[in-house]
Protein backbone atom coordinates (compact mmCIF):
# COMPACT_ATOMS: atom_id res chain seq x y z
CA MET A 1 0.10 0.25 -0.10
CA GLN A 2 1.52 3.40 -1.04
CA ASN A 3 1.25 6.49 1.78
CA LYS A 4 1.82 9.96 0.61
CA LEU A 5 4.66 11.61 3.02
CA THR A 6 5.10 15.33 2.96
CA PHE A 7 8.51 16.75 4.06
CA HIS A 8 9.05 20.53 4.45
CA ILE A 9 12.77 21.10 3.54
CA ASN A 10 14.19 24.74 3.53
CA ASN A 11 10.52 26.10 3.61
CA MET A 12 9.54 23.95 0.30
CA ALA A 13 7.37 21.10 0.39
CA TYR A 14 7.83 17.82 -0.86
CA THR A 15 5.47 14.87 -1.12
CA ILE A 16 6.36 11.43 -2.21
CA ASN A 17 4.79 8.00 -2.34
CA VAL A 18 6.29 5.41 -0.03
CA ASP A 19 5.21 1.84 1.14
CA GLU A 20 4.51 1.47 5.02
CA GLY A 21 7.89 0.08 5.70
CA LEU A 22 9.81 2.96 4.18
CA LYS A 23 7.30 5.55 5.72
CA GLU A 24 8.34 4.13 9.48
CA GLU A 25 11.97 4.18 8.48
CA LEU A 26 12.00 7.78 7.07
CA THR A 27 9.93 9.51 9.73
CA ARG A 28 12.20 7.54 12.54
CA ASN A 29 14.71 9.77 11.11
CA LEU A 30 12.92 12.84 9.94
CA ASP A 31 10.51 14.64 11.60
CA THR A 32 7.53 15.45 8.92
CA GLU A 33 6.15 18.12 11.56
CA LYS A 34 8.50 20.92 11.16
CA ASN A 35 10.74 22.52 8.47
CA LEU A 36 13.98 21.12 8.16
CA ASP A 37 16.98 22.48 6.92
CA THR A 38 19.48 20.98 4.64
CA LYS A 39 21.84 20.07 7.53
CA GLU A 40 18.92 18.00 9.43
CA LEU A 41 18.63 16.12 5.83
CA LEU A 42 22.25 15.47 5.67
CA ALA A 43 22.43 14.51 9.33
CA ALA A 44 19.37 11.88 8.48
CA TYR A 45 21.00 10.60 5.22
CA ILE A 46 24.36 9.96 7.23
CA ARG A 47 22.59 8.12 9.80
CA LEU A 48 20.81 5.78 7.50
CA ALA A 49 24.07 5.15 5.38
CA GLN A 50 26.33 4.33 8.37
CA GLU A 51 23.48 2.06 9.52
CA PHE A 52 23.25 0.37 6.00
CA ASN A 53 27.31 -0.03 5.99
CA GLY A 54 26.85 -1.87 9.11
CA LEU A 55 24.27 -4.35 8.25
CA LYS A 56 26.17 -4.82 4.61
CA ARG A 57 29.43 -5.45 6.92
CA ASP A 58 27.75 -7.81 8.88
CA LEU A 59 25.85 -9.60 6.26
CA GLU A 60 29.31 -10.26 4.24
CA GLN A 61 31.02 -11.56 7.31
CA ILE A 62 27.69 -13.91 7.71
CA THR A 63 27.95 -15.10 3.93
CA ASP A 64 31.83 -15.67 4.52
CA LYS A 65 31.38 -18.40 6.91
CA ILE A 66 28.92 -20.28 4.94
CA PRO A 67 30.69 -22.84 3.07
CA ASN A 68 30.82 -22.61 -0.42
CA PHE A 69 28.91 -25.75 -2.45
């Protein structure tokens, strides 16, 4: 199911269509109730990128332990 999600960044509104899981993830890192500035947007992106990188590294370590057939 698609949800509309509106962010106000630098006094401009941006509305996007996202699924429920992505909506929860985005709203966990970005407040939709206030105007955000570029600094807050960049900080949220860096937090998500660091989390993704950690998960990717963990997955690679796990797959390295699985024997090749």
